[in-house]
Amino acid sequence: MEIPAPPAFIKAGTIQGRHDLKSCFAASTGFVTIYDRDTRSRLPDLRGDMRLFILYAAIFALQTQLSSSEEVVRLPPHTATIPAADGGKLVELLYSPPAISLPKEPPQVGFHGAGWWVDVRNLGPGDVSLEGKGGFTAHLRPKETVRIRAAGTGYTAVRP
């Protein structure tokens, strides 16, 4: 394999103009050395970094789209009941009382004809207990989320 000559503005015999094993490896693997015309110094090859940046941006955009598919409802402060109409949504609790009631009778059909469920996220500042029919209780600390599902005549809790 032929070793490419250094750019014309680099004098032979200088450190940048030497043909050594390192520059042979760079030439054989397809790496490109880029030089700045003004300062005549070597610039870093950012093509790999740019590909990585585009990949991270695409993943971030996809996560944003996937996480925004659920409607978010914030329960008004000091409200002690989650209405059945909030089924299929994420209900956020902020400055809520320590005990929140679920609908008295568990709804059987909910969002889009599927079984009724609601995601509940406690934004704080204190702990919250979700209470439902049949002695159902789920405790949430600040920043915790739980999915509550209607199960027959009661409720079940699923933590993510």
Protein backbone atom coordinates (compact mmCIF):
# COMPACT_ATOMS: atom_id res chain seq x y z
CA MET A 1 0.00 0.00 0.00
CA GLU A 2 1.31 3.39 -0.94
CA ILE A 3 1.66 5.97 1.82
CA PRO A 4 0.15 9.32 0.84
CA ALA A 5 2.43 12.32 0.80
CA PRO A 6 1.85 15.04 3.41
CA PRO A 7 0.09 18.24 2.33
CA ALA A 8 2.19 20.62 0.27
CA PHE A 9 2.51 23.23 2.99
CA ILE A 10 4.23 20.78 5.39
CA LYS A 11 7.93 20.43 4.83
CA ALA A 12 9.42 16.98 4.62
CA GLY A 13 11.44 16.10 7.67
CA THR A 14 9.25 17.95 10.16
CA ILE A 15 7.39 16.03 12.82
CA GLN A 16 4.11 16.46 10.95
CA GLY A 17 5.65 15.44 7.63
CA ARG A 18 7.23 12.14 8.78
CA HIS A 19 5.99 8.87 7.41
CA ASP A 20 6.09 6.53 10.34
CA LEU A 21 4.10 3.51 11.45
CA LYS A 22 1.39 5.68 13.02
CA SER A 23 0.70 7.62 9.83
CA CYS A 24 0.80 4.37 7.81
CA PHE A 25 -1.87 2.93 10.11
CA ALA A 26 -4.00 6.05 9.75
CA ALA A 27 -3.72 5.91 5.97
CA SER A 28 -4.52 2.19 5.78
CA THR A 29 -7.59 2.41 8.01
CA GLY A 30 -9.17 5.27 6.09
CA PHE A 31 -8.78 7.96 8.74
CA VAL A 32 -8.49 11.42 7.28
CA THR A 33 -6.17 14.03 8.70
CA ILE A 34 -7.60 17.51 8.33
CA TYR A 35 -5.37 20.59 8.43
CA ASP A 36 -6.41 24.19 9.13
CA ARG A 37 -5.38 26.40 6.20
CA ASP A 38 -4.63 29.43 8.37
CA THR A 39 -2.69 27.90 11.24
CA ARG A 40 -1.56 24.79 9.34
CA SER A 41 -2.17 22.68 12.39
CA ARG A 42 -3.99 19.41 12.50
CA LEU A 43 -7.70 19.59 13.35
CA PRO A 44 -9.57 16.78 15.06
CA ASP A 45 -11.82 14.64 12.88
CA LEU A 46 -15.29 15.16 14.34
CA ARG A 47 -17.25 12.94 11.97
CA GLY A 48 -17.57 10.13 14.53
CA ASP A 49 -18.63 12.60 17.22
CA MET A 50 -21.24 14.08 14.90
CA ARG A 51 -22.71 10.64 14.18
CA LEU A 52 -22.90 9.97 17.91
CA PHE A 53 -24.58 13.34 18.51
CA ILE A 54 -27.20 12.61 15.83
CA LEU A 55 -27.85 9.18 17.35
CA TYR A 56 -28.36 10.68 20.83
CA ALA A 57 -30.64 13.39 19.42
CA ALA A 58 -32.77 10.77 17.65
CA ILE A 59 -33.07 8.66 20.82
CA PHE A 60 -34.03 11.74 22.84
CA ALA A 61 -36.70 12.74 20.29
CA LEU A 62 -38.12 9.21 20.27
CA GLN A 63 -38.32 9.10 24.07
CA THR A 64 -40.04 12.47 24.13
CA GLN A 65 -42.67 11.27 21.67
CA LEU A 66 -43.24 7.99 23.50
CA SER A 67 -43.56 9.57 26.93
CA SER A 68 -45.97 12.27 25.74
CA SER A 69 -48.59 9.78 24.54
CA GLU A 70 -50.27 9.81 27.96
CA GLU A 71 -52.41 12.79 28.95
CA VAL A 72 -51.29 14.45 32.19
CA VAL A 73 -53.80 15.87 34.66
CA ARG A 74 -52.80 17.67 37.83
CA LEU A 75 -55.21 17.11 40.68
CA PRO A 76 -56.00 20.50 42.26
CA PRO A 77 -54.30 21.07 45.64
CA HIS A 78 -56.20 19.73 48.65
CA THR A 79 -58.54 17.62 46.44
CA ALA A 80 -59.08 14.25 48.06
CA THR A 81 -60.64 12.17 45.22
CA ILE A 82 -59.42 10.99 41.82
CA PRO A 83 -62.46 11.09 39.49
CA ALA A 84 -63.32 8.12 37.26
CA ALA A 85 -63.04 10.45 34.24
CA ASP A 86 -59.26 10.58 34.77
CA GLY A 87 -58.94 6.92 33.74
CA GLY A 88 -56.20 6.31 31.17
CA LYS A 89 -54.31 9.42 32.28
CA LEU A 90 -51.37 10.34 34.48
CA VAL A 91 -52.65 12.16 37.55
CA GLU A 92 -50.04 14.28 39.31
CA LEU A 93 -50.47 15.09 42.98
CA LEU A 94 -48.96 18.31 44.32
CA TYR A 95 -49.70 19.51 47.87
CA SER A 96 -52.36 16.84 48.15
CA PRO A 97 -53.87 15.61 51.42
CA PRO A 98 -52.24 12.53 52.97
CA ALA A 99 -55.15 10.29 51.85
CA ILE A 100 -56.62 10.28 48.32
CA SER A 101 -59.72 8.26 47.45
CA LEU A 102 -60.20 6.35 44.22
CA PRO A 103 -63.70 6.13 42.67
CA LYS A 104 -66.06 4.36 45.12
CA GLU A 105 -67.07 1.72 42.54
CA PRO A 106 -64.14 0.61 40.35
CA PRO A 107 -65.01 1.52 36.74
CA GLN A 108 -65.05 -1.60 34.53
CA VAL A 109 -64.50 0.05 31.13
CA GLY A 110 -62.10 2.89 30.76
CA PHE A 111 -59.85 4.56 28.28
CA HIS A 112 -60.53 3.35 24.67
CA GLY A 113 -62.76 0.50 25.83
CA ALA A 114 -59.96 -1.25 27.76
CA GLY A 115 -60.02 -1.93 31.49
CA TRP A 116 -59.92 1.19 33.67
CA TRP A 117 -56.53 2.31 34.96
CA VAL A 118 -54.86 5.49 36.14
CA ASP A 119 -51.19 6.37 36.71
CA VAL A 120 -50.60 8.45 39.84
CA ARG A 121 -47.39 10.41 40.47
CA ASN A 122 -46.74 12.11 43.81
CA LEU A 123 -44.89 15.39 43.26
CA GLY A 124 -44.72 16.06 47.00
CA PRO A 125 -44.02 17.44 49.40
CA GLY A 126 -45.42 14.70 51.65
CA ASP A 127 -46.33 11.02 51.43
CA VAL A 128 -49.75 10.09 50.02
CA SER A 129 -51.95 7.01 50.53
CA LEU A 130 -54.34 6.00 47.75
CA GLU A 131 -57.39 4.27 49.17
CA GLY A 132 -60.07 2.30 47.37
CA LYS A 133 -62.87 -0.19 47.84
CA GLY A 134 -62.18 -3.44 49.67
CA GLY A 135 -59.39 -2.10 51.87
CA PHE A 136 -57.08 -1.28 48.94
CA THR A 137 -54.22 1.04 49.91
CA ALA A 138 -51.12 2.14 47.99
CA HIS A 139 -48.51 4.41 49.57
CA LEU A 140 -46.57 6.93 47.47
CA ARG A 141 -43.52 8.85 48.57
CA PRO A 142 -42.56 12.04 46.71
CA LYS A 143 -41.43 11.37 43.11
CA GLU A 144 -42.94 7.86 43.06
CA THR A 145 -45.44 6.67 40.45
CA VAL A 146 -47.91 3.79 40.57
CA ARG A 147 -50.46 2.40 38.10
CA ILE A 148 -53.83 1.60 39.66
CA ARG A 149 -56.04 -0.89 37.77
CA ALA A 150 -59.66 -1.76 38.38
CA ALA A 151 -59.84 -5.49 39.09
CA GLY A 152 -63.38 -6.78 39.46
CA THR A 153 -64.80 -5.18 42.58
CA GLY A 154 -61.48 -3.74 43.80
CA TYR A 155 -58.15 -2.28 42.69
CA THR A 156 -54.61 -3.52 42.13
CA ALA A 157 -51.37 -1.50 42.11
CA VAL A 158 -48.49 -2.02 39.68
CA ARG A 159 -45.20 -0.21 40.21
CA PRO A 160 -43.08 0.55 37.15
